[in-house]
Amino acid sequence: METATEHLSPATANAFLDALPNKIKQALIAYSAEIEYPVEAVLEMAISGFLDPDSVSFVDCKPLSGMDIERKVN
């Protein structure tokens, strides 16, 4: 029996990133650092935005709510 998860784990996000072309991988990592969000949250928002233009966006949401992840603090 499979168990469903609500969000990408850091390990899954890194495995996904490793399969991407380096240019895309580096852009996602850089954007994640720029907005101070974990890369798994950035990946989820990018995919959901592609699948549903009315879904959460980088501008108007709080994607970390419910993820048990805190925003990075400098």
PDB file of N, CA and C in Angstrom:
ATOM      1  N   MET A   1       0.838  -1.181   0.000  1.00  0.00           N
ATOM      2  CA  MET A   1       0.000   0.000   0.000  1.00  0.00           C
ATOM      3  C   MET A   1       0.886   1.249   0.000  1.00  0.00           C
ATOM      4  N   GLU A   2       0.611   2.181  -0.926  1.00  0.00           N
ATOM      5  CA  GLU A   2       1.377   3.418  -0.990  1.00  0.00           C
ATOM      6  C   GLU A   2       0.824   4.435  -0.017  1.00  0.00           C
ATOM      7  N   THR A   3       1.720   5.242   0.515  1.00  0.00           N
ATOM      8  CA  THR A   3       1.277   6.333   1.362  1.00  0.00           C
ATOM      9  C   THR A   3       1.478   7.625   0.594  1.00  0.00           C
ATOM     10  N   ALA A   4       0.520   8.493   0.656  1.00  0.00           N
ATOM     11  CA  ALA A   4       0.596   9.776  -0.038  1.00  0.00           C
ATOM     12  C   ALA A   4       1.246  10.806   0.871  1.00  0.00           C
ATOM     13  N   THR A   5       2.021  11.662   0.275  1.00  0.00           N
ATOM     14  CA  THR A   5       2.593  12.768   1.027  1.00  0.00           C
ATOM     15  C   THR A   5       2.057  14.060   0.430  1.00  0.00           C
ATOM     16  N   GLU A   6       1.956  15.066   1.246  1.00  0.00           N
ATOM     17  CA  GLU A   6       1.412  16.348   0.808  1.00  0.00           C
ATOM     18  C   GLU A   6       2.467  17.232   0.141  1.00  0.00           C
ATOM     19  N   HIS A   7       3.740  17.022   0.489  1.00  0.00           N
ATOM     20  CA  HIS A   7       4.792  17.897  -0.021  1.00  0.00           C
ATOM     21  C   HIS A   7       6.035  17.090  -0.363  1.00  0.00           C
ATOM     22  N   LEU A   8       6.864  17.692  -1.201  1.00  0.00           N
ATOM     23  CA  LEU A   8       8.145  17.063  -1.529  1.00  0.00           C
ATOM     24  C   LEU A   8       9.048  17.064  -0.305  1.00  0.00           C
ATOM     25  N   SER A   9       9.755  15.998  -0.119  1.00  0.00           N
ATOM     26  CA  SER A   9      10.763  15.972   0.940  1.00  0.00           C
ATOM     27  C   SER A   9      12.036  16.609   0.384  1.00  0.00           C
ATOM     28  N   PRO A  10      12.925  17.070   1.251  1.00  0.00           N
ATOM     29  CA  PRO A  10      14.197  17.604   0.760  1.00  0.00           C
ATOM     30  C   PRO A  10      14.955  16.578  -0.082  1.00  0.00           C
ATOM     31  N   ALA A  11      14.939  15.305   0.308  1.00  0.00           N
ATOM     32  CA  ALA A  11      15.648  14.268  -0.447  1.00  0.00           C
ATOM     33  C   ALA A  11      15.051  14.092  -1.839  1.00  0.00           C
ATOM     34  N   THR A  12      13.723  14.094  -1.925  1.00  0.00           N
ATOM     35  CA  THR A  12      13.056  13.959  -3.220  1.00  0.00           C
ATOM     36  C   THR A  12      13.335  15.177  -4.096  1.00  0.00           C
ATOM     37  N   ALA A  13      13.291  16.361  -3.509  1.00  0.00           N
ATOM     38  CA  ALA A  13      13.585  17.582  -4.266  1.00  0.00           C
ATOM     39  C   ALA A  13      15.007  17.541  -4.817  1.00  0.00           C
ATOM     40  N   ASN A  14      15.945  17.092  -4.010  1.00  0.00           N
ATOM     41  CA  ASN A  14      17.336  17.018  -4.479  1.00  0.00           C
ATOM     42  C   ASN A  14      17.500  15.968  -5.572  1.00  0.00           C
ATOM     43  N   ALA A  15      16.805  14.852  -5.463  1.00  0.00           N
ATOM     44  CA  ALA A  15      16.864  13.833  -6.519  1.00  0.00           C
ATOM     45  C   ALA A  15      16.284  14.393  -7.816  1.00  0.00           C
ATOM     46  N   PHE A  16      15.199  15.136  -7.719  1.00  0.00           N
ATOM     47  CA  PHE A  16      14.589  15.770  -8.882  1.00  0.00           C
ATOM     48  C   PHE A  16      15.555  16.777  -9.496  1.00  0.00           C
ATOM     49  N   LEU A  17      16.159  17.615  -8.649  1.00  0.00           N
ATOM     50  CA  LEU A  17      17.120  18.609  -9.139  1.00  0.00           C
ATOM     51  C   LEU A  17      18.300  17.943  -9.846  1.00  0.00           C
ATOM     52  N   ASP A  18      18.770  16.834  -9.312  1.00  0.00           N
ATOM     53  CA  ASP A  18      19.911  16.134  -9.906  1.00  0.00           C
ATOM     54  C   ASP A  18      19.610  15.611 -11.307  1.00  0.00           C
ATOM     55  N   ALA A  19      18.326  15.401 -11.607  1.00  0.00           N
ATOM     56  CA  ALA A  19      17.940  14.900 -12.924  1.00  0.00           C
ATOM     57  C   ALA A  19      17.766  16.024 -13.952  1.00  0.00           C
ATOM     58  N   LEU A  20      17.771  17.262 -13.492  1.00  0.00           N
ATOM     59  CA  LEU A  20      17.581  18.402 -14.389  1.00  0.00           C
ATOM     60  C   LEU A  20      18.898  18.841 -15.027  1.00  0.00           C
ATOM     61  N   PRO A  21      18.815  19.507 -16.172  1.00  0.00           N
ATOM     62  CA  PRO A  21      20.024  20.118 -16.737  1.00  0.00           C
ATOM     63  C   PRO A  21      20.620  21.104 -15.727  1.00  0.00           C
ATOM     64  N   ASN A  22      21.926  21.214 -15.693  1.00  0.00           N
ATOM     65  CA  ASN A  22      22.621  22.024 -14.698  1.00  0.00           C
ATOM     66  C   ASN A  22      22.139  23.476 -14.689  1.00  0.00           C
ATOM     67  N   LYS A  23      21.883  24.045 -15.849  1.00  0.00           N
ATOM     68  CA  LYS A  23      21.446  25.442 -15.928  1.00  0.00           C
ATOM     69  C   LYS A  23      20.116  25.643 -15.196  1.00  0.00           C
ATOM     70  N   ILE A  24      19.190  24.730 -15.373  1.00  0.00           N
ATOM     71  CA  ILE A  24      17.887  24.826 -14.703  1.00  0.00           C
ATOM     72  C   ILE A  24      18.052  24.577 -13.208  1.00  0.00           C
ATOM     73  N   LYS A  25      18.845  23.578 -12.867  1.00  0.00           N
ATOM     74  CA  LYS A  25      19.101  23.258 -11.458  1.00  0.00           C
ATOM     75  C   LYS A  25      19.681  24.468 -10.728  1.00  0.00           C
ATOM     76  N   GLN A  26      20.684  25.084 -11.311  1.00  0.00           N
ATOM     77  CA  GLN A  26      21.327  26.239 -10.673  1.00  0.00           C
ATOM     78  C   GLN A  26      20.368  27.422 -10.555  1.00  0.00           C
ATOM     79  N   ALA A  27      19.508  27.608 -11.561  1.00  0.00           N
ATOM     80  CA  ALA A  27      18.528  28.702 -11.504  1.00  0.00           C
ATOM     81  C   ALA A  27      17.531  28.482 -10.373  1.00  0.00           C
ATOM     82  N   LEU A  28      17.064  27.259 -10.202  1.00  0.00           N
ATOM     83  CA  LEU A  28      16.117  26.964  -9.122  1.00  0.00           C
ATOM     84  C   LEU A  28      16.764  27.144  -7.752  1.00  0.00           C
ATOM     85  N   ILE A  29      17.987  26.693  -7.621  1.00  0.00           N
ATOM     86  CA  ILE A  29      18.708  26.846  -6.349  1.00  0.00           C
ATOM     87  C   ILE A  29      18.949  28.321  -6.048  1.00  0.00           C
ATOM     88  N   ALA A  30      19.351  29.082  -7.058  1.00  0.00           N
ATOM     89  CA  ALA A  30      19.605  30.518  -6.871  1.00  0.00           C
ATOM     90  C   ALA A  30      18.319  31.251  -6.492  1.00  0.00           C
ATOM     91  N   TYR A  31      17.212  30.912  -7.165  1.00  0.00           N
ATOM     92  CA  TYR A  31      15.945  31.563  -6.843  1.00  0.00           C
ATOM     93  C   TYR A  31      15.491  31.199  -5.439  1.00  0.00           C
ATOM     94  N   SER A  32      15.688  29.969  -5.066  1.00  0.00           N
ATOM     95  CA  SER A  32      15.346  29.521  -3.719  1.00  0.00           C
ATOM     96  C   SER A  32      16.111  30.338  -2.673  1.00  0.00           C
ATOM     97  N   ALA A  33      17.389  30.542  -2.914  1.00  0.00           N
ATOM     98  CA  ALA A  33      18.201  31.330  -1.983  1.00  0.00           C
ATOM     99  C   ALA A  33      17.763  32.791  -1.978  1.00  0.00           C
ATOM    100  N   GLU A  34      17.436  33.317  -3.156  1.00  0.00           N
ATOM    101  CA  GLU A  34      17.031  34.723  -3.273  1.00  0.00           C
ATOM    102  C   GLU A  34      15.755  35.008  -2.484  1.00  0.00           C
ATOM    103  N   ILE A  35      14.774  34.130  -2.569  1.00  0.00           N
ATOM    104  CA  ILE A  35      13.517  34.377  -1.852  1.00  0.00           C
ATOM    105  C   ILE A  35      13.501  33.737  -0.465  1.00  0.00           C
ATOM    106  N   GLU A  36      14.587  33.074  -0.121  1.00  0.00           N
ATOM    107  CA  GLU A  36      14.772  32.474   1.204  1.00  0.00           C
ATOM    108  C   GLU A  36      13.716  31.421   1.527  1.00  0.00           C
ATOM    109  N   TYR A  37      13.460  30.551   0.535  1.00  0.00           N
ATOM    110  CA  TYR A  37      12.556  29.426   0.718  1.00  0.00           C
ATOM    111  C   TYR A  37      13.305  28.141   0.390  1.00  0.00           C
ATOM    112  N   PRO A  38      12.937  27.048   1.007  1.00  0.00           N
ATOM    113  CA  PRO A  38      13.578  25.770   0.670  1.00  0.00           C
ATOM    114  C   PRO A  38      13.310  25.424  -0.792  1.00  0.00           C
ATOM    115  N   VAL A  39      14.256  24.784  -1.409  1.00  0.00           N
ATOM    116  CA  VAL A  39      14.127  24.456  -2.822  1.00  0.00           C
ATOM    117  C   VAL A  39      12.928  23.554  -3.081  1.00  0.00           C
ATOM    118  N   GLU A  40      12.553  22.714  -2.124  1.00  0.00           N
ATOM    119  CA  GLU A  40      11.388  21.859  -2.335  1.00  0.00           C
ATOM    120  C   GLU A  40      10.103  22.686  -2.457  1.00  0.00           C
ATOM    121  N   ALA A  41      10.017  23.796  -1.732  1.00  0.00           N
ATOM    122  CA  ALA A  41       8.851  24.677  -1.853  1.00  0.00           C
ATOM    123  C   ALA A  41       8.846  25.373  -3.210  1.00  0.00           C
ATOM    124  N   VAL A  42      10.012  25.786  -3.676  1.00  0.00           N
ATOM    125  CA  VAL A  42      10.120  26.436  -4.983  1.00  0.00           C
ATOM    126  C   VAL A  42       9.719  25.462  -6.085  1.00  0.00           C
ATOM    127  N   LEU A  43      10.178  24.233  -5.996  1.00  0.00           N
ATOM    128  CA  LEU A  43       9.796  23.229  -6.995  1.00  0.00           C
ATOM    129  C   LEU A  43       8.291  22.993  -6.995  1.00  0.00           C
ATOM    130  N   GLU A  44       7.702  22.862  -5.821  1.00  0.00           N
ATOM    131  CA  GLU A  44       6.256  22.655  -5.742  1.00  0.00           C
ATOM    132  C   GLU A  44       5.487  23.810  -6.354  1.00  0.00           C
ATOM    133  N   MET A  45       5.905  25.042  -6.060  1.00  0.00           N
ATOM    134  CA  MET A  45       5.217  26.200  -6.619  1.00  0.00           C
ATOM    135  C   MET A  45       5.384  26.272  -8.131  1.00  0.00           C
ATOM    136  N   ALA A  46       6.566  25.944  -8.630  1.00  0.00           N
ATOM    137  CA  ALA A  46       6.803  25.971 -10.073  1.00  0.00           C
ATOM    138  C   ALA A  46       5.935  24.939 -10.785  1.00  0.00           C
ATOM    139  N   ILE A  47       5.865  23.747 -10.243  1.00  0.00           N
ATOM    140  CA  ILE A  47       5.057  22.689 -10.863  1.00  0.00           C
ATOM    141  C   ILE A  47       3.572  23.030 -10.774  1.00  0.00           C
ATOM    142  N   SER A  48       3.121  23.476  -9.620  1.00  0.00           N
ATOM    143  CA  SER A  48       1.703  23.789  -9.483  1.00  0.00           C
ATOM    144  C   SER A  48       1.314  24.967 -10.373  1.00  0.00           C
ATOM    145  N   GLY A  49       2.208  25.935 -10.543  1.00  0.00           N
ATOM    146  CA  GLY A  49       1.936  27.056 -11.429  1.00  0.00           C
ATOM    147  C   GLY A  49       1.853  26.636 -12.887  1.00  0.00           C
ATOM    148  N   PHE A  50       2.641  25.647 -13.263  1.00  0.00           N
ATOM    149  CA  PHE A  50       2.599  25.116 -14.621  1.00  0.00           C
ATOM    150  C   PHE A  50       1.298  24.357 -14.858  1.00  0.00           C
ATOM    151  N   LEU A  51       0.895  23.569 -13.892  1.00  0.00           N
ATOM    152  CA  LEU A  51      -0.307  22.753 -14.044  1.00  0.00           C
ATOM    153  C   LEU A  51      -1.597  23.545 -13.899  1.00  0.00           C
ATOM    154  N   ASP A  52      -1.575  24.573 -13.064  1.00  0.00           N
ATOM    155  CA  ASP A  52      -2.776  25.357 -12.801  1.00  0.00           C
ATOM    156  C   ASP A  52      -2.393  26.826 -12.634  1.00  0.00           C
ATOM    157  N   PRO A  53      -2.615  27.643 -13.669  1.00  0.00           N
ATOM    158  CA  PRO A  53      -2.226  29.056 -13.590  1.00  0.00           C
ATOM    159  C   PRO A  53      -2.889  29.815 -12.435  1.00  0.00           C
ATOM    160  N   ASP A  54      -4.001  29.301 -11.921  1.00  0.00           N
ATOM    161  CA  ASP A  54      -4.681  29.951 -10.804  1.00  0.00           C
ATOM    162  C   ASP A  54      -4.215  29.434  -9.446  1.00  0.00           C
ATOM    163  N   SER A  55      -3.220  28.574  -9.444  1.00  0.00           N
ATOM    164  CA  SER A  55      -2.728  28.014  -8.188  1.00  0.00           C
ATOM    165  C   SER A  55      -1.867  29.029  -7.445  1.00  0.00           C
ATOM    166  N   VAL A  56      -1.264  28.579  -6.360  1.00  0.00           N
ATOM    167  CA  VAL A  56      -0.400  29.449  -5.572  1.00  0.00           C
ATOM    168  C   VAL A  56       0.678  30.038  -6.452  1.00  0.00           C
ATOM    169  N   SER A  57       1.104  31.236  -6.100  1.00  0.00           N
ATOM    170  CA  SER A  57       2.199  31.856  -6.849  1.00  0.00           C
ATOM    171  C   SER A  57       3.280  32.273  -5.868  1.00  0.00           C
ATOM    172  N   PHE A  58       4.383  32.711  -6.413  1.00  0.00           N
ATOM    173  CA  PHE A  58       5.489  33.140  -5.566  1.00  0.00           C
ATOM    174  C   PHE A  58       5.172  34.461  -4.875  1.00  0.00           C
ATOM    175  N   VAL A  59       4.261  35.238  -5.444  1.00  0.00           N
ATOM    176  CA  VAL A  59       3.987  36.573  -4.940  1.00  0.00           C
ATOM    177  C   VAL A  59       2.955  36.576  -3.826  1.00  0.00           C
ATOM    178  N   ASP A  60       1.876  35.814  -3.995  1.00  0.00           N
ATOM    179  CA  ASP A  60       0.731  35.995  -3.117  1.00  0.00           C
ATOM    180  C   ASP A  60       0.420  34.825  -2.199  1.00  0.00           C
ATOM    181  N   CYS A  61       1.385  34.042  -1.857  1.00  0.00           N
ATOM    182  CA  CYS A  61       1.058  32.891  -1.019  1.00  0.00           C
ATOM    183  C   CYS A  61       2.025  32.727   0.133  1.00  0.00           C
ATOM    184  N   LYS A  62       1.668  31.818   0.986  1.00  0.00           N
ATOM    185  CA  LYS A  62       2.523  31.410   2.097  1.00  0.00           C
ATOM    186  C   LYS A  62       2.740  29.909   1.926  1.00  0.00           C
ATOM    187  N   PRO A  63       3.651  29.530   1.000  1.00  0.00           N
ATOM    188  CA  PRO A  63       3.786  28.124   0.651  1.00  0.00           C
ATOM    189  C   PRO A  63       4.333  27.238   1.756  1.00  0.00           C
ATOM    190  N   LEU A  64       4.885  27.812   2.779  1.00  0.00           N
ATOM    191  CA  LEU A  64       5.464  26.981   3.840  1.00  0.00           C
ATOM    192  C   LEU A  64       4.437  26.571   4.879  1.00  0.00           C
ATOM    193  N   SER A  65       3.237  27.160   4.822  1.00  0.00           N
ATOM    194  CA  SER A  65       2.236  26.769   5.807  1.00  0.00           C
ATOM    195  C   SER A  65       1.859  25.312   5.571  1.00  0.00           C
ATOM    196  N   GLY A  66       1.931  24.540   6.602  1.00  0.00           N
ATOM    197  CA  GLY A  66       1.610  23.124   6.513  1.00  0.00           C
ATOM    198  C   GLY A  66       2.761  22.246   6.069  1.00  0.00           C
ATOM    199  N   MET A  67       3.933  22.815   5.809  1.00  0.00           N
ATOM    200  CA  MET A  67       5.063  22.016   5.332  1.00  0.00           C
ATOM    201  C   MET A  67       6.015  21.621   6.445  1.00  0.00           C
ATOM    202  N   ASP A  68       5.791  22.108   7.646  1.00  0.00           N
ATOM    203  CA  ASP A  68       6.723  21.869   8.749  1.00  0.00           C
ATOM    204  C   ASP A  68       8.128  22.343   8.400  1.00  0.00           C
ATOM    205  N   ILE A  69       8.193  23.418   7.634  1.00  0.00           N
ATOM    206  CA  ILE A  69       9.469  24.021   7.233  1.00  0.00           C
ATOM    207  C   ILE A  69       9.376  25.500   7.545  1.00  0.00           C
ATOM    208  N   GLU A  70      10.424  26.036   8.105  1.00  0.00           N
ATOM    209  CA  GLU A  70      10.450  27.450   8.374  1.00  0.00           C
ATOM    210  C   GLU A  70      11.234  28.157   7.291  1.00  0.00           C
ATOM    211  N   ARG A  71      10.847  29.399   7.042  1.00  0.00           N
ATOM    212  CA  ARG A  71      11.578  30.214   6.075  1.00  0.00           C
ATOM    213  C   ARG A  71      12.980  30.437   6.612  1.00  0.00           C
ATOM    214  N   LYS A  72      13.943  30.413   5.698  1.00  0.00           N
ATOM    215  CA  LYS A  72      15.332  30.629   6.100  1.00  0.00           C
ATOM    216  C   LYS A  72      15.478  32.039   6.657  1.00  0.00           C
ATOM    217  N   VAL A  73      16.229  32.176   7.705  1.00  0.00           N
ATOM    218  CA  VAL A  73      16.467  33.473   8.314  1.00  0.00           C
ATOM    219  C   VAL A  73      17.947  33.762   8.257  1.00  0.00           C
ATOM    220  N   ASN A  74      18.306  34.973   7.798  1.00  0.00           N
ATOM    221  CA  ASN A  74      19.733  35.352   7.705  1.00  0.00           C
ATOM    222  C   ASN A  74      20.319  35.564   9.071  1.00  0.00           C
TER     223      ASN A  74
END
